Protein backbone atom coordinates (compact mmCIF):
# COMPACT_ATOMS: atom_id res chain seq x y z
CA MET A 1 14.57 -21.57 -20.11
CA PRO A 2 10.80 -21.26 -19.44
CA ARG A 3 9.55 -18.65 -16.98
CA TYR A 4 6.58 -19.49 -14.76
CA PHE A 5 4.13 -17.51 -12.67
CA LEU A 6 3.09 -19.40 -9.54
CA GLU A 7 -0.13 -18.29 -7.82
CA LEU A 8 -0.54 -19.08 -4.13
CA ALA A 9 -2.59 -18.31 -1.01
CA TYR A 10 -1.62 -18.63 2.63
CA LYS A 11 -2.53 -18.02 6.22
CA GLY A 12 0.35 -15.97 7.57
CA THR A 13 -0.12 -16.55 11.30
CA ARG A 14 2.89 -18.84 11.77
CA TYR A 15 5.25 -17.01 9.42
CA SER A 16 7.66 -14.10 9.68
CA GLY A 17 6.40 -12.65 6.42
CA PHE A 18 6.40 -13.50 2.73
CA GLN A 19 10.00 -12.85 1.68
CA LYS A 20 12.88 -15.14 2.63
CA GLN A 21 14.89 -13.99 5.66
CA GLU A 22 17.84 -15.23 7.66
CA ASN A 23 16.88 -17.33 10.70
CA ALA A 24 13.12 -16.94 10.12
CA ASN A 25 10.38 -19.12 8.70
CA THR A 26 8.67 -17.43 5.74
CA ILE A 27 6.30 -18.31 2.91
CA GLN A 28 9.08 -18.11 0.33
CA ALA A 29 11.34 -20.37 2.39
CA GLU A 30 8.62 -23.04 2.66
CA VAL A 31 7.86 -23.00 -1.07
CA GLU A 32 11.54 -23.13 -2.04
CA LYS A 33 12.09 -26.00 0.39
CA ALA A 34 9.16 -27.96 -1.05
CA PHE A 35 10.43 -27.30 -4.59
CA GLU A 36 13.88 -28.67 -3.73
CA ILE A 37 12.37 -31.79 -2.15
CA LEU A 38 10.31 -32.45 -5.30
CA HIS A 39 12.94 -31.65 -7.94
CA ARG A 40 16.16 -32.32 -5.98
CA GLN A 41 17.31 -28.97 -7.23
CA ALA A 42 17.09 -25.47 -5.75
CA VAL A 43 15.13 -22.64 -7.35
CA SER A 44 15.18 -18.89 -6.81
CA LEU A 45 11.70 -17.37 -6.47
CA THR A 46 10.84 -13.70 -7.03
CA GLY A 47 7.75 -12.51 -5.18
CA SER A 48 5.08 -10.11 -6.36
CA SER A 49 4.03 -8.52 -3.06
CA ARG A 50 5.77 -8.70 0.30
CA THR A 51 3.48 -9.24 3.25
CA ASP A 52 4.55 -8.73 6.86
CA ALA A 53 4.63 -11.29 9.65
CA GLY A 54 1.15 -12.57 10.46
CA VAL A 55 -0.48 -11.14 7.32
CA HIS A 56 -2.50 -13.45 5.05
CA ALA A 57 -3.01 -13.62 1.28
CA LEU A 58 -5.86 -14.89 -0.86
CA GLN A 59 -3.70 -14.28 -3.92
CA ASN A 60 0.00 -13.65 -4.37
CA TYR A 61 2.58 -14.66 -6.95
CA PHE A 62 6.13 -15.86 -7.45
CA HIS A 63 7.94 -16.08 -10.75
CA PHE A 64 10.86 -18.38 -11.50
CA ASP A 65 12.81 -19.97 -14.35
CA PHE A 66 13.14 -23.74 -14.58
CA GLU A 67 13.51 -26.60 -17.06
CA ASP A 68 11.57 -29.88 -16.84
CA LEU A 69 8.94 -29.02 -14.26
CA HIS A 70 7.30 -32.05 -12.68
CA PRO A 71 4.13 -33.00 -14.67
CA GLN A 72 2.10 -33.14 -11.42
CA PHE A 73 3.72 -30.04 -10.01
CA LEU A 74 0.77 -28.50 -8.17
CA TYR A 75 -0.46 -31.79 -6.72
CA LYS A 76 3.00 -32.85 -5.53
CA MET A 77 3.95 -29.44 -4.14
CA ASN A 78 0.69 -29.08 -2.22
CA ALA A 79 1.25 -32.53 -0.72
CA ILE A 80 4.65 -31.39 0.58
CA LEU A 81 3.74 -27.88 1.72
CA PRO A 82 2.26 -27.15 5.17
CA GLU A 83 -1.53 -27.01 5.33
CA ASP A 84 -1.56 -23.21 5.70
CA ILE A 85 0.01 -22.65 2.25
CA VAL A 86 -1.67 -23.67 -1.01
CA LEU A 87 -0.45 -23.35 -4.60
CA LYS A 88 -3.45 -22.47 -6.77
CA ASN A 89 -2.14 -22.20 -10.32
CA ILE A 90 0.99 -22.20 -12.46
CA GLN A 91 1.46 -20.97 -16.00
CA ILE A 92 4.20 -20.24 -18.47
CA VAL A 93 4.69 -16.54 -19.17
CA HIS A 94 6.85 -14.41 -21.45
CA PRO A 95 10.60 -14.67 -20.58
CA GLY A 96 10.66 -11.00 -19.58
CA ALA A 97 7.55 -11.16 -17.37
CA HIS A 98 8.06 -9.97 -13.80
CA SER A 99 5.58 -10.72 -11.02
CA ARG A 100 6.49 -7.59 -9.04
CA PHE A 101 7.27 -4.91 -11.61
CA ASP A 102 4.50 -5.82 -14.07
CA ALA A 103 1.70 -5.78 -11.48
CA THR A 104 -0.64 -2.83 -12.01
CA SER A 105 -2.32 -2.86 -8.60
CA ARG A 106 -2.73 -4.70 -5.32
CA LYS A 107 -5.92 -4.93 -3.29
CA TYR A 108 -6.00 -5.44 0.48
CA HIS A 109 -8.73 -5.81 3.04
CA TYR A 110 -8.68 -5.52 6.81
CA CYS A 111 -11.35 -7.47 8.71
CA ILE A 112 -12.73 -6.19 12.04
CA TYR A 113 -15.36 -7.83 14.23
CA LYS A 114 -17.14 -6.37 17.25
CA ASN A 115 -18.64 -9.48 18.85
CA LYS A 116 -16.38 -12.17 20.26
CA ASN A 117 -16.08 -14.96 17.69
CA PRO A 118 -13.65 -17.88 18.01
CA PHE A 119 -13.95 -18.63 14.29
CA LEU A 120 -12.47 -15.25 13.39
CA LEU A 121 -9.55 -15.61 15.78
CA GLY A 122 -6.31 -15.11 13.88
CA VAL A 123 -8.01 -13.90 10.69
CA GLY A 124 -9.72 -10.78 12.01
CA PHE A 125 -9.19 -8.07 14.62
CA TYR A 126 -11.53 -8.12 17.63
CA TYR A 127 -12.54 -4.50 18.26
CA PRO A 128 -15.45 -4.34 20.76
CA PHE A 129 -16.13 -0.61 20.44
CA LYS A 130 -18.94 1.35 18.87
CA VAL A 131 -17.86 3.05 15.64
CA ASP A 132 -19.64 5.27 13.13
CA VAL A 133 -19.16 3.37 9.86
CA GLU A 134 -20.70 6.15 7.75
CA LEU A 135 -18.16 8.58 9.17
CA MET A 136 -15.36 6.11 8.48
CA ASP A 137 -16.59 5.68 4.91
CA ALA A 138 -16.48 9.45 4.45
CA ALA A 139 -12.87 9.40 5.67
CA ALA A 140 -12.12 6.45 3.37
CA SER A 141 -13.38 8.51 0.42
CA LEU A 142 -10.91 11.26 1.32
CA ILE A 143 -8.07 8.77 0.88
CA LYS A 144 -8.83 8.49 -2.85
CA GLU A 145 -8.36 12.26 -3.21
CA ASN A 146 -4.78 12.17 -1.86
CA ASN A 147 -1.46 10.72 -2.96
CA ASN A 148 1.03 11.66 -0.23
CA PHE A 149 1.08 8.84 2.32
CA PHE A 150 4.10 9.85 4.41
CA ALA A 151 1.90 9.87 7.54
CA PHE A 152 0.91 6.25 6.88
CA CYS A 153 4.33 4.68 6.36
CA LYS A 154 6.57 3.03 8.94
CA THR A 155 9.39 5.34 10.01
CA ASN A 156 12.19 2.95 8.98
CA SER A 157 10.97 2.56 5.39
CA GLN A 158 13.63 3.07 2.74
CA VAL A 159 11.63 4.55 -0.13
CA LYS A 160 12.35 7.41 -2.52
CA ASN A 161 8.84 8.85 -2.40
CA PHE A 162 5.58 8.41 -0.52
CA ASN A 163 3.20 8.86 -3.44
CA CYS A 164 0.52 6.25 -4.14
CA SER A 165 -2.47 6.28 -6.49
CA ILE A 166 -5.57 4.94 -4.75
CA TYR A 167 -8.19 3.28 -6.97
CA LEU A 168 -10.55 2.00 -4.28
CA SER A 169 -11.08 2.89 -0.62
CA GLU A 170 -14.26 1.85 1.16
CA TRP A 171 -15.84 0.03 4.08
CA ILE A 172 -18.15 -2.91 3.50
CA ARG A 173 -20.28 -4.95 5.89
CA LYS A 174 -20.16 -8.73 5.69
CA ASP A 175 -21.97 -10.87 8.26
CA ASP A 176 -20.70 -9.66 11.66
CA CYS A 177 -17.63 -7.94 10.20
CA ILE A 178 -16.78 -4.54 8.86
CA ILE A 179 -14.05 -4.74 6.25
CA TYR A 180 -11.86 -1.94 4.98
CA THR A 181 -10.92 -2.48 1.32
CA ILE A 182 -8.23 -0.54 -0.53
CA GLU A 183 -6.63 -0.92 -3.95
CA ALA A 184 -3.63 1.06 -5.18
CA ASN A 185 -0.76 1.00 -7.64
CA ARG A 186 1.68 0.58 -4.73
CA PHE A 187 1.72 0.41 -0.94
CA LEU A 188 4.23 1.63 1.63
CA ARG A 189 5.38 -0.45 4.60
CA GLY A 190 2.57 -0.77 7.15
CA MET A 191 0.35 1.56 5.12
CA VAL A 192 -2.92 -0.41 5.23
CA ARG A 193 -2.72 -1.10 8.96
CA LEU A 194 -1.90 2.55 9.71
CA LEU A 195 -4.74 3.80 7.51
CA THR A 196 -7.26 1.37 9.00
CA ALA A 197 -6.26 2.32 12.55
CA SER A 198 -6.67 6.01 11.73
CA LEU A 199 -10.08 5.39 10.18
CA LEU A 200 -11.16 3.66 13.39
CA GLN A 201 -10.08 6.75 15.32
CA VAL A 202 -12.40 8.77 13.09
CA GLY A 203 -15.18 6.24 13.67
CA ARG A 204 -14.82 6.57 17.43
CA ARG A 205 -14.69 10.36 17.11
CA LYS A 206 -11.22 10.48 18.61
CA ILE A 207 -10.14 12.59 15.64
CA THR A 208 -12.26 14.65 13.26
CA LEU A 209 -12.50 14.33 9.49
CA SER A 210 -10.60 17.61 9.24
CA GLU A 211 -7.80 16.31 11.46
CA PHE A 212 -7.66 13.10 9.43
CA SER A 213 -7.47 15.09 6.19
CA GLU A 214 -4.60 17.20 7.58
CA LEU A 215 -2.45 14.07 7.90
CA PHE A 216 -2.01 14.10 4.11
CA ASN A 217 -0.61 17.63 4.08
CA GLY A 218 2.34 17.55 6.45
CA ASN A 219 5.30 15.61 7.81
CA LYS A 220 3.55 14.19 10.86
CA LYS A 221 3.07 10.44 11.35
CA CYS A 222 -0.47 9.29 12.13
CA GLY A 223 0.54 7.56 15.38
CA TYR A 224 -1.94 4.67 15.08
CA SER A 225 -1.59 1.08 13.89
CA LEU A 226 -3.32 -2.30 14.12
CA PRO A 227 -2.02 -5.88 14.55
CA PRO A 228 -1.44 -7.99 11.42
CA GLN A 229 -4.00 -10.76 11.81
CA GLY A 230 -6.91 -8.87 10.24
CA LEU A 231 -5.00 -7.99 7.07
CA PHE A 232 -5.32 -9.90 3.80
CA LEU A 233 -3.71 -9.34 0.42
CA ASN A 234 -6.81 -9.94 -1.68
CA ALA A 235 -5.56 -9.73 -5.24
CA VAL A 236 -2.64 -8.78 -7.46
CA SER A 237 -3.66 -7.41 -10.86
CA PHE A 238 -1.77 -7.39 -14.15
CA PRO A 239 -2.44 -5.65 -17.50
CA LEU A 240 -5.41 -6.81 -19.59
CA ASN A 241 -4.65 -10.00 -21.55
CA TYR A 242 -1.30 -10.31 -19.73
CA PHE A 243 -1.59 -14.10 -19.50
CA LYS A 244 -3.24 -14.77 -22.85
CA GLY A 245 -1.46 -16.46 -25.73
CA LEU A 246 1.69 -17.33 -23.83
């Protein structure tokens, strides 16, 4: 039976997260429902990266196995799906391919704006305070030098270890926004929002660079977080030539 990778993007405002849950509307539930309407047959989707309630994605993936996919699959599915979810691409992959376990990295960004802007409502975090971006960038650079992220993980997370390899950690300016961008081999629950909130504390001089650095050395939680609406899953990466020749 052929295996497919399905690429999608979504605005997460109305959803209780990416993964299917009991008594909650999720991205996975909407895509599976649309699939069953089109094919009159249920399918089980496996997601690449779970995003929390209210979090958006410019790129995420499902994989699934299915025979006789509709020849106009993307067009028909997008016609059925709500307007805040779009399927961008579908391709056949190797039967053993796995959208979660084969991913080499994920990249997130968190968008913050200082001046009131109705067009950023729901897709950015309004933060009308003066911050030192150069200081925050110095703190962001420290993140790449560490791998223990216990302080930046939700307390109810069921993980075996808190180690992550960070490939990119920086602030960029775009129009009226400052955007924190981070790429890693894995992320813990709530990690990006907790990191971004802590960086803002550095930028407002509520904590020092030294105090921020100490959070990587102990068993103390950072104590700061941000709401979900400014967070985007930007990209999911796979090994070089992963999709070629299949």
